[in-house]
Amino acid sequence: MGYEGLNLDGRVALITGGSGGLGLEMARSLASAGASVIVTSRHEGRAKESAEAIHSATGRPTLGVAADVTVYSEIERAVEQCIGAFGRIDILINNAGVNVRKPILEYDESSWDLVQSTNLKAPFLCAKAVVPHMIKQKFGRIINIASMLGQVALPERSAYCSSKGGLIQLSKVMALEWAQYGITVNAVCPGPIATELNRVVMENPEANQFFLNHLPINRWGEPAELTGLIVYLASDASSFMTGSALVIDGGWTAE
């Protein structure tokens, strides 16, 4: 198909947790490739501010929507706003995520539920709300942002590793169920990326060195280094790829 398959003109993308970090970078890259983009945040002001920044940078139509993606009624309302504004949703990126780091014996139930609800339940709910529209279009691209920690483990990440491993498996089931409708579903599994979520690790010299020791590339990744893959998976160029879990981790899992 060639590089022309990477053009997203006419496509509409919804990115959860799109007001900062990886989500904002991905939303900006999709807009730069031609897509109209909708970003969600629990805070309406942040969502609208981020949408305006993307529009200013790319000139593409944007929308910022407030939604708690762990609550189905709020997701439904956000999807209705998207359909009302753009008439369709072609691309769904389930990016919203949290991490609570504690040893298992110190892990409280509320922290466990928060991580599972945000990282695993929310992609399930968002897909349920969006996919009926994709089925009508006979086209869809779903990209679930998992993690290399869905495939390998670290201490004190019990809830996070479990949720991301579950998201990889959920992505495969989605891919099998919806392939017949022209919908592809893939999981992206980043390694250590320099985002706000990881700042607590990066600012701890001992923990930071532990990570660097496991990275053959000898540095943390930058959010922009994921965007090429995101645009590819969102585009027509990836039409024969579904049910995959793609790792971008600086070589960590190659050891």
Protein backbone atom coordinates (compact mmCIF):
# COMPACT_ATOMS: atom_id res chain seq x y z
CA MET A 1 0.00 0.00 0.00
CA GLY A 2 2.96 2.32 0.59
CA TYR A 3 3.21 5.51 2.59
CA GLU A 4 -0.05 6.89 1.22
CA GLY A 5 -1.77 4.33 3.47
CA LEU A 6 -0.58 6.32 6.49
CA ASN A 7 -2.73 9.32 5.57
CA LEU A 8 -5.55 9.76 8.08
CA ASP A 9 -7.51 12.45 6.22
CA GLY A 10 -11.22 12.05 6.95
CA ARG A 11 -10.68 9.81 9.98
CA VAL A 12 -11.87 10.65 13.49
CA ALA A 13 -9.87 9.51 16.51
CA LEU A 14 -10.89 9.34 20.18
CA ILE A 15 -8.01 9.20 22.67
CA THR A 16 -8.73 8.58 26.36
CA GLY A 17 -6.40 10.28 28.80
CA GLY A 18 -5.38 12.52 25.92
CA SER A 19 -4.73 15.69 27.88
CA GLY A 20 -1.10 14.95 28.76
CA GLY A 21 1.87 12.61 28.48
CA LEU A 22 1.61 9.80 25.96
CA GLY A 23 -2.03 10.55 25.21
CA LEU A 24 -1.38 14.13 24.16
CA GLU A 25 1.61 13.10 22.05
CA MET A 26 -0.44 10.41 20.30
CA ALA A 27 -3.35 12.76 19.71
CA ARG A 28 -1.02 15.35 18.20
CA SER A 29 0.56 12.77 15.90
CA LEU A 30 -2.81 11.55 14.63
CA ALA A 31 -3.90 15.12 13.94
CA SER A 32 -0.62 15.77 12.12
CA ALA A 33 -1.41 12.75 9.93
CA GLY A 34 -4.78 14.28 9.01
CA ALA A 35 -7.25 12.98 11.60
CA SER A 36 -9.80 14.96 13.56
CA VAL A 37 -9.19 14.19 17.22
CA ILE A 38 -11.16 14.05 20.45
CA VAL A 39 -9.29 13.90 23.75
CA THR A 40 -10.79 12.98 27.09
CA SER A 41 -9.83 13.87 30.62
CA ARG A 42 -11.64 13.71 33.92
CA HIS A 43 -11.18 17.49 34.02
CA GLU A 44 -13.06 19.41 31.33
CA GLY A 45 -10.67 22.37 31.43
CA ARG A 46 -7.64 20.19 30.74
CA ALA A 47 -9.42 18.35 27.94
CA LYS A 48 -10.43 21.57 26.19
CA GLU A 49 -7.03 23.16 26.72
CA SER A 50 -5.28 20.15 25.20
CA ALA A 51 -7.68 20.03 22.26
CA GLU A 52 -7.03 23.70 21.54
CA ALA A 53 -3.27 23.15 21.70
CA ILE A 54 -3.52 20.31 19.18
CA HIS A 55 -5.69 22.43 16.89
CA SER A 56 -3.24 25.34 17.10
CA ALA A 57 -0.31 23.05 16.27
CA THR A 58 -1.93 21.09 13.43
CA GLY A 59 -4.93 23.03 12.17
CA ARG A 60 -7.11 19.92 12.46
CA PRO A 61 -10.60 19.92 14.04
CA THR A 62 -10.43 18.90 17.71
CA LEU A 63 -12.74 18.42 20.66
CA GLY A 64 -12.00 18.16 24.39
CA VAL A 65 -14.47 16.09 26.41
CA ALA A 66 -14.70 15.46 30.15
CA ALA A 67 -15.27 11.83 31.10
CA ASP A 68 -14.40 9.38 33.84
CA VAL A 69 -13.65 6.35 31.68
CA THR A 70 -14.41 3.94 34.53
CA VAL A 71 -18.07 5.03 34.45
CA TYR A 72 -20.06 3.72 31.49
CA SER A 73 -22.67 6.50 31.50
CA GLU A 74 -19.93 9.11 31.20
CA ILE A 75 -18.31 7.20 28.34
CA GLU A 76 -21.65 6.97 26.53
CA ARG A 77 -22.15 10.72 26.92
CA ALA A 78 -18.64 11.41 25.57
CA VAL A 79 -19.20 9.13 22.58
CA GLU A 80 -22.51 10.87 21.84
CA GLN A 81 -20.67 14.22 21.88
CA CYS A 82 -18.09 12.85 19.45
CA ILE A 83 -20.71 11.46 17.08
CA GLY A 84 -22.65 14.71 17.29
CA ALA A 85 -19.57 16.76 16.43
CA PHE A 86 -17.98 14.55 13.74
CA GLY A 87 -20.58 11.97 12.74
CA ARG A 88 -18.30 8.98 13.29
CA ILE A 89 -15.44 7.48 15.28
CA ASP A 90 -12.87 5.54 13.27
CA ILE A 91 -10.03 5.18 15.77
CA LEU A 92 -10.18 4.49 19.50
CA ILE A 93 -7.02 4.67 21.57
CA ASN A 94 -7.49 3.38 25.11
CA ASN A 95 -4.64 5.22 26.76
CA ALA A 96 -5.88 6.33 30.21
CA GLY A 97 -3.92 4.53 32.90
CA VAL A 98 -2.67 4.66 36.48
CA ASN A 99 -0.05 2.86 38.55
CA VAL A 100 0.14 2.37 42.32
CA ARG A 101 3.44 0.85 43.47
CA LYS A 102 3.30 -1.21 46.68
CA PRO A 103 4.38 -4.68 47.86
CA ILE A 104 1.52 -7.17 47.62
CA LEU A 105 1.17 -7.52 51.40
CA GLU A 106 0.78 -3.75 51.71
CA TYR A 107 -1.59 -3.39 48.76
CA ASP A 108 -5.00 -2.11 49.84
CA GLU A 109 -8.18 -3.07 48.06
CA SER A 110 -9.05 0.46 46.96
CA SER A 111 -5.68 0.90 45.21
CA TRP A 112 -6.09 -2.48 43.50
CA ASP A 113 -9.58 -1.55 42.30
CA LEU A 114 -8.43 1.85 41.05
CA VAL A 115 -5.69 0.33 38.87
CA GLN A 116 -7.87 -2.46 37.52
CA SER A 117 -10.80 -0.14 36.80
CA THR A 118 -8.68 2.41 34.96
CA ASN A 119 -6.30 0.11 33.09
CA LEU A 120 -8.54 -2.85 32.23
CA LYS A 121 -12.21 -2.13 32.85
CA ALA A 122 -12.14 1.26 31.11
CA PRO A 123 -10.85 -0.08 27.74
CA PHE A 124 -13.58 -2.73 27.91
CA LEU A 125 -16.25 -0.09 28.57
CA CYS A 126 -14.94 2.35 25.95
CA ALA A 127 -14.87 -0.34 23.29
CA LYS A 128 -18.43 -1.39 24.14
CA ALA A 129 -19.58 2.20 23.63
CA VAL A 130 -17.63 2.86 20.42
CA VAL A 131 -17.69 -0.44 18.52
CA PRO A 132 -21.41 -0.37 17.55
CA HIS A 133 -20.64 2.79 15.56
CA MET A 134 -17.61 1.12 13.97
CA ILE A 135 -19.72 -1.90 13.01
CA LYS A 136 -22.16 0.38 11.16
CA GLN A 137 -19.19 1.91 9.29
CA LYS A 138 -17.62 -1.50 8.63
CA PHE A 139 -14.32 0.07 9.70
CA GLY A 140 -12.47 0.62 12.94
CA ARG A 141 -9.06 0.76 14.53
CA ILE A 142 -8.72 0.09 18.26
CA ILE A 143 -5.32 0.56 19.90
CA ASN A 144 -5.04 -0.47 23.54
CA ILE A 145 -2.03 0.97 25.36
CA ALA A 146 -0.78 -1.94 27.44
CA SER A 147 2.82 -2.24 28.68
CA MET A 148 5.86 -4.47 28.54
CA LEU A 149 4.85 -5.17 32.15
CA GLY A 150 1.94 -7.13 30.72
CA GLN A 151 4.58 -9.62 29.56
CA VAL A 152 7.34 -9.36 32.19
CA ALA A 153 7.05 -8.51 35.88
CA LEU A 154 8.58 -6.19 38.43
CA PRO A 155 8.18 -6.19 42.22
CA GLU A 156 5.58 -3.82 43.67
CA ARG A 157 3.59 -3.72 40.40
CA SER A 158 1.08 -6.48 41.10
CA ALA A 159 -2.03 -4.55 40.07
CA TYR A 160 -0.35 -2.82 37.14
CA CYS A 161 1.21 -5.99 35.69
CA SER A 162 -2.07 -7.86 36.13
CA SER A 163 -4.11 -5.14 34.46
CA LYS A 164 -1.77 -4.77 31.49
CA GLY A 165 -1.48 -8.53 31.00
CA GLY A 166 -5.25 -8.68 31.05
CA LEU A 167 -5.45 -5.84 28.53
CA ILE A 168 -3.23 -7.75 26.09
CA GLN A 169 -5.53 -10.77 26.35
CA LEU A 170 -8.64 -8.57 26.08
CA SER A 171 -7.20 -7.04 22.90
CA LYS A 172 -6.85 -10.50 21.36
CA VAL A 173 -10.44 -11.44 22.17
CA MET A 174 -11.67 -8.14 20.74
CA ALA A 175 -9.64 -8.78 17.59
CA LEU A 176 -11.23 -12.20 17.11
CA GLU A 177 -14.78 -11.01 17.73
CA TRP A 178 -14.69 -7.90 15.57
CA ALA A 179 -12.46 -8.80 12.62
CA GLN A 180 -15.56 -9.71 10.58
CA TYR A 181 -16.68 -6.07 10.77
CA GLY A 182 -13.47 -4.55 9.40
CA ILE A 183 -12.27 -3.62 12.89
CA THR A 184 -8.70 -4.32 13.90
CA VAL A 185 -7.55 -4.38 17.53
CA ASN A 186 -3.91 -4.29 18.63
CA ALA A 187 -2.07 -3.66 21.89
CA VAL A 188 0.99 -1.45 22.14
CA CYS A 189 3.36 -2.38 24.97
CA PRO A 190 5.70 0.50 25.84
CA GLY A 191 8.72 0.01 28.04
CA PRO A 192 10.08 2.77 30.29
CA ILE A 193 8.86 6.05 28.80
CA ALA A 194 9.69 9.43 30.34
CA THR A 195 6.17 10.50 31.33
CA GLU A 196 4.67 12.08 34.42
CA LEU A 197 3.46 8.63 35.49
CA ASN A 198 7.09 7.46 35.73
CA ARG A 199 8.59 10.59 37.23
CA VAL A 200 8.66 9.09 40.73
CA VAL A 201 10.93 6.31 39.41
CA MET A 202 13.14 8.57 37.30
CA GLU A 203 13.78 10.90 40.23
CA ASN A 204 14.88 8.03 42.50
CA PRO A 205 18.59 7.45 41.67
CA GLU A 206 18.61 3.80 42.71
CA ALA A 207 15.38 2.93 40.92
CA ASN A 208 16.41 4.91 37.84
CA GLN A 209 19.72 3.06 37.62
CA PHE A 210 17.91 -0.27 37.96
CA PHE A 211 15.86 0.62 34.88
CA LEU A 212 18.88 1.83 32.91
CA ASN A 213 20.68 -1.43 33.71
CA HIS A 214 17.88 -3.32 31.94
CA LEU A 215 17.80 -1.06 28.88
CA PRO A 216 20.38 -2.02 26.23
CA ILE A 217 19.67 1.35 24.61
CA ASN A 218 20.75 2.90 27.97
CA ARG A 219 18.06 5.55 28.30
CA TRP A 220 14.36 6.06 28.87
CA GLY A 221 12.15 6.38 25.82
CA GLU A 222 10.47 9.61 24.80
CA PRO A 223 6.70 9.82 24.16
CA ALA A 224 7.30 10.90 20.56
CA GLU A 225 9.08 7.59 19.89
CA LEU A 226 5.76 5.74 20.02
CA THR A 227 3.92 7.93 17.55
CA GLY A 228 5.09 6.27 14.33
CA LEU A 229 3.63 2.96 15.44
CA ILE A 230 0.41 4.61 16.60
CA VAL A 231 -0.15 6.30 13.23
CA TYR A 232 0.60 3.03 11.44
CA LEU A 233 -1.87 1.03 13.55
CA ALA A 234 -4.52 3.73 13.09
CA SER A 235 -4.10 3.77 9.32
CA ASP A 236 -5.12 1.68 6.33
CA ALA A 237 -1.50 0.50 6.08
CA SER A 238 -2.08 -1.85 9.05
CA SER A 239 -5.24 -3.46 7.62
CA PHE A 240 -3.82 -7.03 7.85
CA MET A 241 -2.60 -6.67 11.45
CA THR A 242 -4.92 -7.53 14.31
CA GLY A 243 -4.60 -9.29 17.65
CA SER A 244 -0.95 -8.32 18.03
CA ALA A 245 0.94 -7.03 21.06
CA LEU A 246 3.81 -4.84 19.90
CA VAL A 247 6.63 -4.03 22.32
CA ILE A 248 8.60 -0.77 22.21
CA ASP A 249 10.91 -1.07 25.19
CA GLY A 250 14.50 -0.12 24.31
CA GLY A 251 15.44 -3.80 24.30
CA TRP A 252 14.36 -4.69 27.86
CA THR A 253 12.45 -7.86 26.91
CA ALA A 254 15.16 -8.97 24.47
CA GLU A 255 17.39 -10.01 27.39
